[in-house]
Amino acid sequence: MVSKKSVKQVLAEDREMDFEKFRKDVEKVDKKINAVRSKNLEIKSKEGRLKGLPISAKDNICVKGFNATAGSKILESYSPQFDATAVKRLKDKGANFFAKTNQDEFGFGTFSTNSAYETPKNPYDTERVTGGSSGGAAALTAALTEPHIALGQSTGGSISNPAAFCGVVGFTPTYGRVSRYGLIDYANSLDKIGSLAKTVEDAAMALDIISGHDKKDFTTSKKSYKGLEDVPAEVDGMKIGVPKQYMEFEGMDERVRKKVWESIKMFEDLGGEVEEVSLPKVGKDFVIPSYYITAISEASTNLARYCGMRYGLEDNPEKKSFDDYFSEIRSKGFGKEVKRRVLLGHFARQEGLRESYYLKALKVRRLIIEEYKEAFKEYDILASPTMPITAPRFDEADKLEPVEVYAMDTLTVGPNFAGLPQLSVPCGTVDKMPVGLHLLGNHFEERKLVRAGKAFEKSFGQIKRPEVR
């Protein structure tokens, strides 16, 4: 039987968790869904506010004592001797990190099928993808019956996407709210560490703990803000905008569209006001090209450090030129999608093309941010589907061309590109597969998202959890 208690409820009971049962749960689940990259099930601490709560981290987040491969062969042997700030803050509250979870290589993917290691499987149907790139984190969160919260990371939707496909809550904070220190970068101006859990309350609790300024990361904000602990579950008086460009997305499954509309209409019954709004610059014609040009340009510079000289995959450099040595190491260590994005990113940044591609993409980014900001002058939050379809089968995903996969991210790329906080909440199923409701907020207004998310969850309830046998 799948437990219906939230992590916060279990912690409030002031009793010791059954860690032996938890170990068995992890072992059984991972054999079926390949969610775990590496694990250490020796629970060390049972103290602090979190009382030894087991927490997993995506494999591009550094945890001392675990390798951090970011899903890539080129980092197969890399073992950081420090904790990421988000990890340290949770450990300081008594959390136990027991596993690193599988992901797309360096976060480059929509389905978590681009890993150099195991491909995680959806616990609702193991013939289907988990979503990406935090696929292992979402799958493990959905499948475990015992208390657990996962740390994920998002660049263009990598928390919300798998959260929707796996039927869990995914909370992505405002860019700068959570320190990126200890994160293996994809794109510095886009990356955000967030949380995945079974309930909004649990995801918010974890995000609260890891938030705040960090002197080790100059991009973290010094802005003061209230925490998320005391946020009431109510939307009375809130105004909710529904972007037409998201609801009318070409290629959306009509059953998903209907399910999400039904969910959004529930806010009216709860005292909120729902209204459609047109945001032309958040459609795929603007968002997808400008986001991907920006992301791959930053990625190509970040990945230049993986040259086989300082850490990770290496060889004997004697009797080889630098160019030959670097090319051999990177050809051997990088996967197909990584090579594609490195080459495209280099092309977009090279002399003579930078103005036409990279700098133009940054100008479009500013226009997209301004359009969102204008919308938030009138609306408290925006609501839409998280993903336009339910999780596809692996054979269906394999048939998609790269440009089709990139377009699939339209609904999540816009808010991530703008650095907005977002919350994906399960809102039902289609053919027994989860559907996600995506709530977007203005910068540093996570409290409004938690209000709406908790209110929806309280009224709607939870979808049936998968039982991994």
Protein backbone atom coordinates (compact mmCIF):
# COMPACT_ATOMS: atom_id res chain seq x y z
CA MET A 1 0.00 0.00 0.00
CA VAL A 2 1.35 3.44 -0.92
CA SER A 3 1.56 5.83 2.04
CA LYS A 4 -0.66 8.90 1.75
CA LYS A 5 1.20 10.84 4.44
CA SER A 6 3.35 13.77 3.41
CA VAL A 7 6.93 14.11 4.60
CA LYS A 8 5.91 17.03 6.79
CA GLN A 9 3.18 14.96 8.45
CA VAL A 10 5.65 12.15 9.16
CA LEU A 11 8.16 14.61 10.65
CA ALA A 12 5.43 16.18 12.79
CA GLU A 13 4.62 12.80 14.34
CA ASP A 14 7.98 12.97 16.13
CA ARG A 15 8.78 9.33 15.63
CA GLU A 16 11.76 7.58 14.15
CA MET A 17 11.48 6.62 10.51
CA ASP A 18 11.81 2.98 9.55
CA PHE A 19 15.10 3.19 7.70
CA GLU A 20 15.34 -0.56 7.15
CA LYS A 21 12.02 -0.45 5.35
CA PHE A 22 13.28 2.53 3.38
CA ARG A 23 16.37 0.62 2.22
CA LYS A 24 14.24 -2.25 0.97
CA ASP A 25 11.93 0.22 -0.76
CA VAL A 26 14.83 1.84 -2.62
CA GLU A 27 16.35 -1.48 -3.68
CA LYS A 28 13.02 -2.84 -4.98
CA VAL A 29 12.11 0.34 -6.82
CA ASP A 30 15.47 0.91 -8.46
CA LYS A 31 15.56 -2.57 -9.98
CA LYS A 32 12.41 -1.66 -11.89
CA ILE A 33 12.94 1.97 -12.91
CA ASN A 34 16.73 2.65 -13.04
CA ALA A 35 16.30 5.96 -11.25
CA VAL A 36 19.46 5.79 -9.12
CA ARG A 37 22.93 6.57 -10.46
CA SER A 38 24.70 5.74 -7.17
CA LYS A 39 23.57 5.18 -3.60
CA ASN A 40 24.69 4.81 0.00
CA LEU A 41 21.87 3.57 2.21
CA GLU A 42 23.73 3.92 5.52
CA ILE A 43 21.64 6.53 7.33
CA LYS A 44 24.05 8.58 9.43
CA SER A 45 21.94 11.19 11.21
CA LYS A 46 18.54 11.09 12.85
CA GLU A 47 18.76 14.52 14.44
CA GLY A 48 17.74 18.06 13.51
CA ARG A 49 14.55 19.45 12.11
CA LEU A 50 14.51 16.87 9.31
CA LYS A 51 15.23 13.93 11.66
CA GLY A 52 17.32 12.01 9.16
CA LEU A 53 14.95 12.51 6.23
CA PRO A 54 16.32 10.65 3.16
CA ILE A 55 17.00 13.02 0.27
CA SER A 56 18.34 12.30 -3.20
CA ALA A 57 20.16 14.70 -5.52
CA LYS A 58 20.35 14.89 -9.27
CA ASP A 59 23.76 13.73 -10.44
CA ASN A 60 24.94 17.20 -11.46
CA ILE A 61 24.67 18.44 -7.84
CA CYS A 62 27.79 17.82 -5.77
CA VAL A 63 27.44 15.66 -2.66
CA LYS A 64 30.59 14.72 -0.77
CA GLY A 65 31.13 10.97 -0.84
CA PHE A 66 29.34 10.47 -4.15
CA ASN A 67 30.63 10.72 -7.69
CA ALA A 68 29.07 13.55 -9.70
CA THR A 69 28.92 12.49 -13.33
CA ALA A 70 26.12 14.75 -14.65
CA GLY A 71 25.14 11.72 -16.73
CA SER A 72 28.38 11.86 -18.74
CA LYS A 73 31.24 9.41 -19.29
CA ILE A 74 33.68 12.30 -19.27
CA LEU A 75 33.01 12.76 -15.53
CA GLU A 76 32.74 9.07 -14.68
CA SER A 77 35.51 9.22 -12.06
CA TYR A 78 34.85 12.71 -10.65
CA SER A 79 34.24 12.66 -6.89
CA PRO A 80 33.82 16.17 -5.38
CA GLN A 81 35.28 16.73 -1.93
CA PHE A 82 32.61 19.23 -0.92
CA ASP A 83 28.86 19.67 -0.74
CA ALA A 84 26.82 22.02 -2.89
CA THR A 85 25.34 24.83 -0.79
CA ALA A 86 21.81 23.44 -1.23
CA VAL A 87 23.03 20.05 -0.01
CA LYS A 88 24.88 21.52 2.97
CA ARG A 89 21.83 23.49 4.09
CA LEU A 90 19.69 20.36 4.09
CA LYS A 91 22.39 18.35 5.87
CA ASP A 92 22.61 21.06 8.53
CA LYS A 93 18.91 20.44 9.22
CA GLY A 94 19.49 16.71 9.69
CA ALA A 95 18.85 15.38 6.18
CA ASN A 96 20.57 12.24 4.88
CA PHE A 97 21.65 12.14 1.25
CA PHE A 98 21.34 8.53 0.18
CA ALA A 99 21.40 8.64 -3.63
CA LYS A 100 22.32 10.48 -6.80
CA THR A 101 19.71 10.20 -9.53
CA ASN A 102 20.00 9.57 -13.27
CA GLN A 103 19.63 12.39 -15.75
CA ASP A 104 20.21 13.46 -19.34
CA GLU A 105 23.90 14.11 -19.96
CA PHE A 106 24.66 17.61 -18.61
CA GLY A 107 20.89 18.23 -18.61
CA PHE A 108 20.67 18.08 -22.42
CA GLY A 109 17.34 16.43 -23.03
CA THR A 110 13.58 16.31 -22.64
CA PHE A 111 13.09 12.62 -21.85
CA SER A 112 16.16 11.51 -19.80
CA THR A 113 17.13 9.22 -22.69
CA ASN A 114 20.48 10.95 -23.33
CA SER A 115 22.35 9.58 -20.31
CA ALA A 116 25.67 7.77 -20.73
CA TYR A 117 24.43 5.40 -18.03
CA GLU A 118 21.04 3.91 -17.19
CA THR A 119 17.86 5.37 -18.64
CA PRO A 120 15.24 5.94 -15.92
CA LYS A 121 11.77 4.49 -16.52
CA ASN A 122 8.40 5.95 -15.66
CA PRO A 123 6.97 4.18 -12.57
CA TYR A 124 3.43 4.46 -13.99
CA ASP A 125 4.49 2.54 -17.10
CA THR A 126 8.06 1.33 -17.48
CA GLU A 127 7.76 1.40 -21.27
CA ARG A 128 7.46 5.19 -21.08
CA VAL A 129 9.95 8.00 -20.46
CA THR A 130 10.24 9.92 -17.20
CA GLY A 131 10.78 13.32 -18.79
CA GLY A 132 14.01 15.22 -18.45
CA SER A 133 16.43 16.13 -17.52
CA SER A 134 15.71 15.44 -13.81
CA GLY A 135 14.00 12.18 -14.78
CA GLY A 136 15.58 9.98 -12.14
CA ALA A 137 14.62 12.43 -9.37
CA ALA A 138 10.97 12.56 -10.44
CA ALA A 139 10.67 8.81 -11.00
CA LEU A 140 12.18 7.98 -7.60
CA THR A 141 9.93 10.50 -5.86
CA ALA A 142 6.86 9.00 -7.49
CA ALA A 143 7.81 5.38 -6.85
CA LEU A 144 9.05 5.37 -3.24
CA THR A 145 6.41 4.65 -0.62
CA GLU A 146 8.63 5.89 2.21
CA PRO A 147 9.27 9.60 3.05
CA HIS A 148 11.63 11.19 0.55
CA ILE A 149 12.34 14.52 -1.18
CA ALA A 150 14.55 15.01 -4.24
CA LEU A 151 16.77 17.86 -5.36
CA GLY A 152 16.52 18.55 -9.07
CA GLN A 153 17.86 21.21 -11.40
CA SER A 154 16.20 23.12 -14.22
CA THR A 155 17.54 25.07 -17.18
CA GLY A 156 14.54 25.04 -19.51
CA GLY A 157 11.99 22.97 -17.62
CA SER A 158 13.99 20.06 -16.25
CA ILE A 159 12.08 19.99 -12.95
CA SER A 160 8.55 20.74 -14.17
CA ASN A 161 8.74 18.42 -17.18
CA PRO A 162 9.56 15.16 -15.34
CA ALA A 163 7.34 16.17 -12.42
CA ALA A 164 4.38 16.31 -14.83
CA PHE A 165 5.27 13.05 -16.59
CA CYS A 166 5.79 11.19 -13.29
CA GLY A 167 2.86 12.67 -11.35
CA VAL A 168 4.76 14.54 -8.61
CA VAL A 169 5.15 18.15 -7.54
CA GLY A 170 8.08 20.04 -9.04
CA PHE A 171 9.07 23.42 -7.60
CA THR A 172 11.50 25.59 -9.57
CA PRO A 173 12.50 28.81 -7.76
CA THR A 174 13.22 32.28 -9.08
CA TYR A 175 16.68 32.47 -10.61
CA GLY A 176 18.97 33.67 -7.83
CA ARG A 177 16.87 32.45 -4.91
CA VAL A 178 18.90 29.24 -4.47
CA SER A 179 22.68 29.07 -4.69
CA ARG A 180 24.20 27.32 -7.69
CA TYR A 181 27.46 26.67 -5.85
CA GLY A 182 28.26 22.99 -6.30
CA LEU A 183 26.12 22.60 -9.42
CA ILE A 184 27.76 21.30 -12.59
CA ASP A 185 26.66 24.01 -14.99
CA TYR A 186 24.62 23.67 -18.15
CA ALA A 187 23.95 27.39 -18.75
CA ASN A 188 24.96 29.80 -15.98
CA SER A 189 22.29 32.42 -16.56
CA LEU A 190 19.51 29.81 -16.65
CA ASP A 191 20.30 27.04 -14.15
CA LYS A 192 18.22 26.72 -10.98
CA ILE A 193 18.21 24.09 -8.20
CA GLY A 194 14.74 23.15 -6.95
CA SER A 195 12.77 20.38 -5.27
CA LEU A 196 10.51 17.47 -6.16
CA ALA A 197 8.09 15.86 -3.72
CA LYS A 198 4.70 14.19 -3.48
CA THR A 199 2.99 17.31 -2.09
CA VAL A 200 3.25 21.07 -2.51
CA GLU A 201 3.90 21.46 1.21
CA ASP A 202 6.90 19.12 1.09
CA ALA A 203 8.40 20.70 -2.01
CA ALA A 204 7.98 24.15 -0.42
CA MET A 205 9.57 23.02 2.84
CA ALA A 206 12.69 21.82 1.04
CA LEU A 207 12.88 24.96 -1.10
CA ASP A 208 12.59 27.11 2.02
CA ILE A 209 15.63 25.42 3.58
CA ILE A 210 17.91 25.71 0.54
CA SER A 211 16.97 29.32 -0.31
CA GLY A 212 18.93 32.43 0.57
CA HIS A 213 22.03 34.43 -0.27
CA ASP A 214 25.32 32.57 -0.55
CA LYS A 215 28.64 34.39 -0.64
CA LYS A 216 30.01 31.54 -2.77
CA ASP A 217 27.57 32.39 -5.56
CA PHE A 218 27.43 36.07 -6.52
CA THR A 219 24.24 35.49 -8.55
CA THR A 220 22.19 34.67 -5.44
CA SER A 221 19.91 37.49 -4.45
CA LYS A 222 20.24 39.45 -1.21
CA LYS A 223 16.56 40.34 -1.44
CA SER A 224 14.67 39.62 1.76
CA TYR A 225 11.49 37.59 1.46
CA LYS A 226 9.12 35.67 3.67
CA GLY A 227 9.46 31.92 3.92
CA LEU A 228 6.93 29.41 2.66
CA GLU A 229 6.05 27.62 5.91
CA ASP A 230 2.99 29.64 6.90
CA VAL A 231 1.41 30.07 3.45
CA PRO A 232 -2.36 29.42 3.63
CA ALA A 233 -4.11 27.13 1.16
CA GLU A 234 -6.41 29.71 -0.43
CA VAL A 235 -6.83 31.68 -3.64
CA ASP A 236 -9.68 33.94 -2.61
CA GLY A 237 -9.20 37.27 -4.41
CA MET A 238 -6.35 36.01 -6.62
CA LYS A 239 -6.45 36.75 -10.33
CA ILE A 240 -5.21 33.92 -12.55
CA GLY A 241 -4.20 34.51 -16.17
CA VAL A 242 -4.27 31.72 -18.75
CA PRO A 243 -1.94 32.41 -21.71
CA LYS A 244 -3.70 31.63 -25.01
CA GLN A 245 -0.36 30.79 -26.59
CA TYR A 246 0.03 27.93 -24.11
CA MET A 247 -3.52 26.58 -24.14
CA GLU A 248 -3.66 26.70 -27.95
CA PHE A 249 -0.25 25.10 -28.41
CA GLU A 250 -0.19 23.17 -31.70
CA GLY A 251 0.27 19.46 -31.11
CA MET A 252 -1.23 19.42 -27.62
CA ASP A 253 -3.22 16.32 -26.73
CA GLU A 254 -6.85 17.47 -26.56
CA ARG A 255 -7.42 15.31 -23.48
CA VAL A 256 -4.53 17.07 -21.71
CA ARG A 257 -5.94 20.45 -22.69
CA LYS A 258 -9.38 19.50 -21.33
CA LYS A 259 -7.97 18.12 -18.09
CA VAL A 260 -5.94 21.26 -17.44
CA TRP A 261 -8.86 23.58 -18.27
CA GLU A 262 -11.03 21.67 -15.80
CA SER A 263 -8.33 22.11 -13.17
CA ILE A 264 -7.91 25.83 -13.84
CA LYS A 265 -11.67 26.35 -13.56
CA MET A 266 -11.50 24.90 -10.04
CA PHE A 267 -9.77 28.12 -8.97
CA GLU A 268 -13.00 29.98 -9.71
CA ASP A 269 -14.87 27.68 -7.32
CA LEU A 270 -12.21 28.46 -4.71
CA GLY A 271 -12.69 32.23 -4.97
CA GLY A 272 -10.18 33.13 -7.65
CA GLU A 273 -10.79 34.96 -10.91
CA VAL A 274 -9.71 33.22 -14.12
CA GLU A 275 -9.14 35.09 -17.38
CA GLU A 276 -7.45 34.33 -20.69
CA VAL A 277 -4.55 36.56 -21.68
CA SER A 278 -2.55 36.89 -24.89
CA LEU A 279 1.23 36.79 -24.54
CA PRO A 280 2.49 36.55 -28.15
CA LYS A 281 6.19 36.58 -27.28
CA VAL A 282 6.00 33.46 -25.10
CA GLY A 283 4.98 31.28 -28.09
CA LYS A 284 7.44 28.84 -29.64
CA ASP A 285 8.39 31.14 -32.55
CA PHE A 286 10.10 33.52 -30.12
CA VAL A 287 10.96 31.37 -27.12
CA ILE A 288 12.42 28.21 -28.61
CA PRO A 289 15.07 29.73 -30.95
CA SER A 290 16.17 32.44 -28.50
CA TYR A 291 16.31 30.04 -25.55
CA TYR A 292 18.27 27.35 -27.35
CA ILE A 293 20.75 29.80 -28.87
CA THR A 294 21.40 31.26 -25.42
CA ALA A 295 21.54 27.90 -23.63
CA ILE A 296 23.83 26.12 -26.08
CA SER A 297 26.11 29.15 -26.35
CA GLU A 298 26.64 29.13 -22.59
CA ALA A 299 26.89 25.33 -22.54
CA SER A 300 29.62 25.25 -25.19
CA THR A 301 31.79 27.55 -23.07
CA ASN A 302 31.09 25.63 -19.86
CA LEU A 303 31.98 22.29 -21.42
CA ALA A 304 35.35 23.57 -22.65
CA ARG A 305 36.76 22.75 -19.20
CA TYR A 306 36.30 19.02 -19.81
CA CYS A 307 39.51 18.42 -21.69
CA GLY A 308 41.06 15.45 -19.87
CA MET A 309 43.66 17.50 -18.00
CA ARG A 310 42.13 18.52 -14.68
CA TYR A 311 39.46 15.99 -13.69
CA GLY A 312 37.27 13.30 -15.13
CA LEU A 313 38.20 11.16 -18.11
CA GLU A 314 41.91 11.31 -19.04
CA ASP A 315 44.58 9.54 -21.05
CA ASN A 316 48.31 9.67 -21.54
CA PRO A 317 48.97 13.01 -23.30
CA GLU A 318 52.57 12.18 -24.25
CA LYS A 319 53.46 12.24 -27.94
CA LYS A 320 50.18 13.94 -28.83
CA SER A 321 49.42 17.52 -29.72
CA PHE A 322 46.99 19.42 -27.50
CA ASP A 323 44.38 19.46 -30.26
CA ASP A 324 44.61 15.71 -30.87
CA TYR A 325 44.52 14.89 -27.16
CA PHE A 326 41.55 17.13 -26.39
CA SER A 327 39.65 15.90 -29.45
CA GLU A 328 40.17 12.25 -28.55
CA ILE A 329 39.07 12.73 -24.93
CA ARG A 330 36.00 14.78 -25.82
CA SER A 331 35.01 12.45 -28.66
CA LYS A 332 35.23 9.50 -26.28
CA GLY A 333 33.61 11.18 -23.27
CA PHE A 334 30.76 13.21 -24.79
CA GLY A 335 27.51 11.74 -26.07
CA LYS A 336 25.77 12.56 -29.35
CA GLU A 337 23.45 15.28 -27.99
CA VAL A 338 26.30 16.97 -26.11
CA LYS A 339 28.41 17.10 -29.26
CA ARG A 340 25.47 18.54 -31.21
CA ARG A 341 24.93 21.35 -28.70
CA VAL A 342 28.64 22.15 -28.33
CA LEU A 343 28.99 22.54 -32.09
CA LEU A 344 25.82 24.63 -32.41
CA GLY A 345 26.82 26.79 -29.46
CA HIS A 346 30.27 27.41 -30.89
CA PHE A 347 28.71 28.32 -34.24
CA ALA A 348 26.33 30.84 -32.62
CA ARG A 349 29.18 32.56 -30.77
CA GLN A 350 31.86 32.69 -33.43
CA GLU A 351 33.12 35.94 -34.83
CA GLY A 352 30.87 37.31 -37.53
CA LEU A 353 27.78 35.44 -36.30
CA ARG A 354 27.60 36.51 -32.65
CA GLU A 355 25.56 39.61 -33.47
CA SER A 356 23.14 37.69 -35.69
CA TYR A 357 22.50 34.86 -33.23
CA TYR A 358 23.67 35.12 -29.62
CA LEU A 359 23.25 38.87 -29.06
CA LYS A 360 19.92 38.91 -30.89
CA ALA A 361 18.71 36.03 -28.69
CA LEU A 362 19.56 38.07 -25.59
CA LYS A 363 17.52 40.99 -26.91
CA VAL A 364 14.54 38.69 -27.48
CA ARG A 365 15.01 37.34 -23.95
CA ARG A 366 14.59 40.85 -22.60
CA LEU A 367 11.34 41.27 -24.56
CA ILE A 368 10.02 37.97 -23.19
CA ILE A 369 10.81 38.99 -19.62
CA GLU A 370 9.11 42.35 -20.12
CA GLU A 371 5.98 40.66 -21.47
CA TYR A 372 5.76 38.39 -18.43
CA LYS A 373 6.34 41.38 -16.11
CA GLU A 374 3.49 43.28 -17.78
CA ALA A 375 1.19 40.29 -17.29
CA PHE A 376 2.05 40.10 -13.59
CA LYS A 377 0.95 43.70 -13.12
CA GLU A 378 -2.58 42.42 -13.70
CA TYR A 379 -2.44 38.77 -12.67
CA ASP A 380 -1.16 37.13 -9.49
CA ILE A 381 -0.19 33.93 -11.28
CA LEU A 382 -0.37 32.38 -14.73
CA ALA A 383 -1.66 28.85 -15.31
CA SER A 384 -1.20 26.38 -18.18
CA PRO A 385 -0.41 22.73 -18.92
CA THR A 386 3.10 21.74 -17.85
CA MET A 387 3.62 19.51 -20.89
CA PRO A 388 1.45 19.26 -24.02
CA ILE A 389 1.26 15.45 -23.86
CA THR A 390 1.59 12.65 -21.33
CA ALA A 391 4.84 10.70 -21.16
CA PRO A 392 5.48 9.03 -24.54
CA ARG A 393 6.73 5.48 -24.97
CA PHE A 394 10.45 5.09 -25.56
CA ASP A 395 9.88 3.99 -29.16
CA GLU A 396 7.75 7.11 -29.78
CA ALA A 397 10.39 9.40 -28.28
CA ASP A 398 13.12 7.79 -30.41
CA LYS A 399 11.28 8.70 -33.60
CA LEU A 400 11.24 12.44 -32.86
CA GLU A 401 13.75 14.68 -34.64
CA PRO A 402 15.84 17.01 -32.40
CA VAL A 403 13.86 20.08 -33.51
CA GLU A 404 10.60 18.30 -32.57
CA VAL A 405 11.99 17.46 -29.14
CA TYR A 406 13.09 21.06 -28.61
CA ALA A 407 9.60 22.34 -29.53
CA MET A 408 8.13 19.99 -26.91
CA ASP A 409 9.68 22.28 -24.26
CA THR A 410 7.76 25.40 -25.32
CA LEU A 411 5.49 25.49 -22.26
CA THR A 412 8.37 25.28 -19.78
CA VAL A 413 11.15 27.12 -21.63
CA GLY A 414 9.52 30.57 -21.47
CA PRO A 415 9.28 30.90 -17.66
CA ASN A 416 12.72 29.34 -17.20
CA PHE A 417 14.22 31.69 -19.79
CA ALA A 418 12.72 34.61 -17.85
CA GLY A 419 13.95 33.28 -14.48
CA LEU A 420 10.42 32.97 -13.08
CA PRO A 421 9.38 30.62 -10.27
CA GLN A 422 7.12 27.78 -11.35
CA LEU A 423 5.22 24.97 -9.71
CA SER A 424 4.00 21.84 -11.48
CA VAL A 425 1.17 20.04 -9.67
CA PRO A 426 -0.47 16.75 -10.74
CA CYS A 427 -4.03 17.47 -11.90
CA GLY A 428 -5.28 14.11 -13.12
CA THR A 429 -4.50 11.37 -15.61
CA VAL A 430 -5.08 10.54 -19.27
CA ASP A 431 -4.97 6.82 -20.07
CA LYS A 432 -3.62 6.27 -16.53
CA MET A 433 -0.65 8.60 -17.16
CA PRO A 434 -0.20 11.80 -15.12
CA VAL A 435 -0.96 15.31 -16.36
CA GLY A 436 0.63 18.42 -14.84
CA LEU A 437 -0.86 21.85 -14.09
CA HIS A 438 1.82 24.56 -14.39
CA LEU A 439 1.60 27.64 -12.17
CA LEU A 440 3.92 30.58 -12.91
CA GLY A 441 4.68 33.53 -10.66
CA ASN A 442 6.48 36.84 -10.77
CA HIS A 443 10.09 36.97 -9.58
CA PHE A 444 10.42 36.07 -5.88
CA GLU A 445 6.67 35.53 -5.49
CA GLU A 446 6.86 31.84 -4.68
CA ARG A 447 4.37 32.37 -1.86
CA LYS A 448 1.56 32.99 -4.36
CA LEU A 449 2.41 29.75 -6.13
CA VAL A 450 2.32 27.84 -2.86
CA ARG A 451 -1.03 29.42 -1.95
CA ALA A 452 -2.56 28.38 -5.24
CA GLY A 453 -0.85 24.99 -5.34
CA LYS A 454 -1.90 24.03 -1.83
CA ALA A 455 -5.46 25.24 -2.43
CA PHE A 456 -5.73 23.21 -5.62
CA GLU A 457 -4.21 20.14 -3.98
CA LYS A 458 -6.55 20.43 -0.99
CA SER A 459 -9.61 20.63 -3.26
CA PHE A 460 -8.52 18.17 -5.94
CA GLY A 461 -6.71 15.63 -3.79
CA GLN A 462 -3.91 13.48 -5.17
CA ILE A 463 -3.73 11.18 -8.17
CA LYS A 464 -3.34 7.47 -7.59
CA ARG A 465 0.28 6.60 -6.89
CA PRO A 466 2.08 3.92 -8.91
CA GLU A 467 2.83 0.62 -7.19
CA VAL A 468 6.18 -0.62 -8.45
CA ARG A 469 6.14 -4.39 -8.08
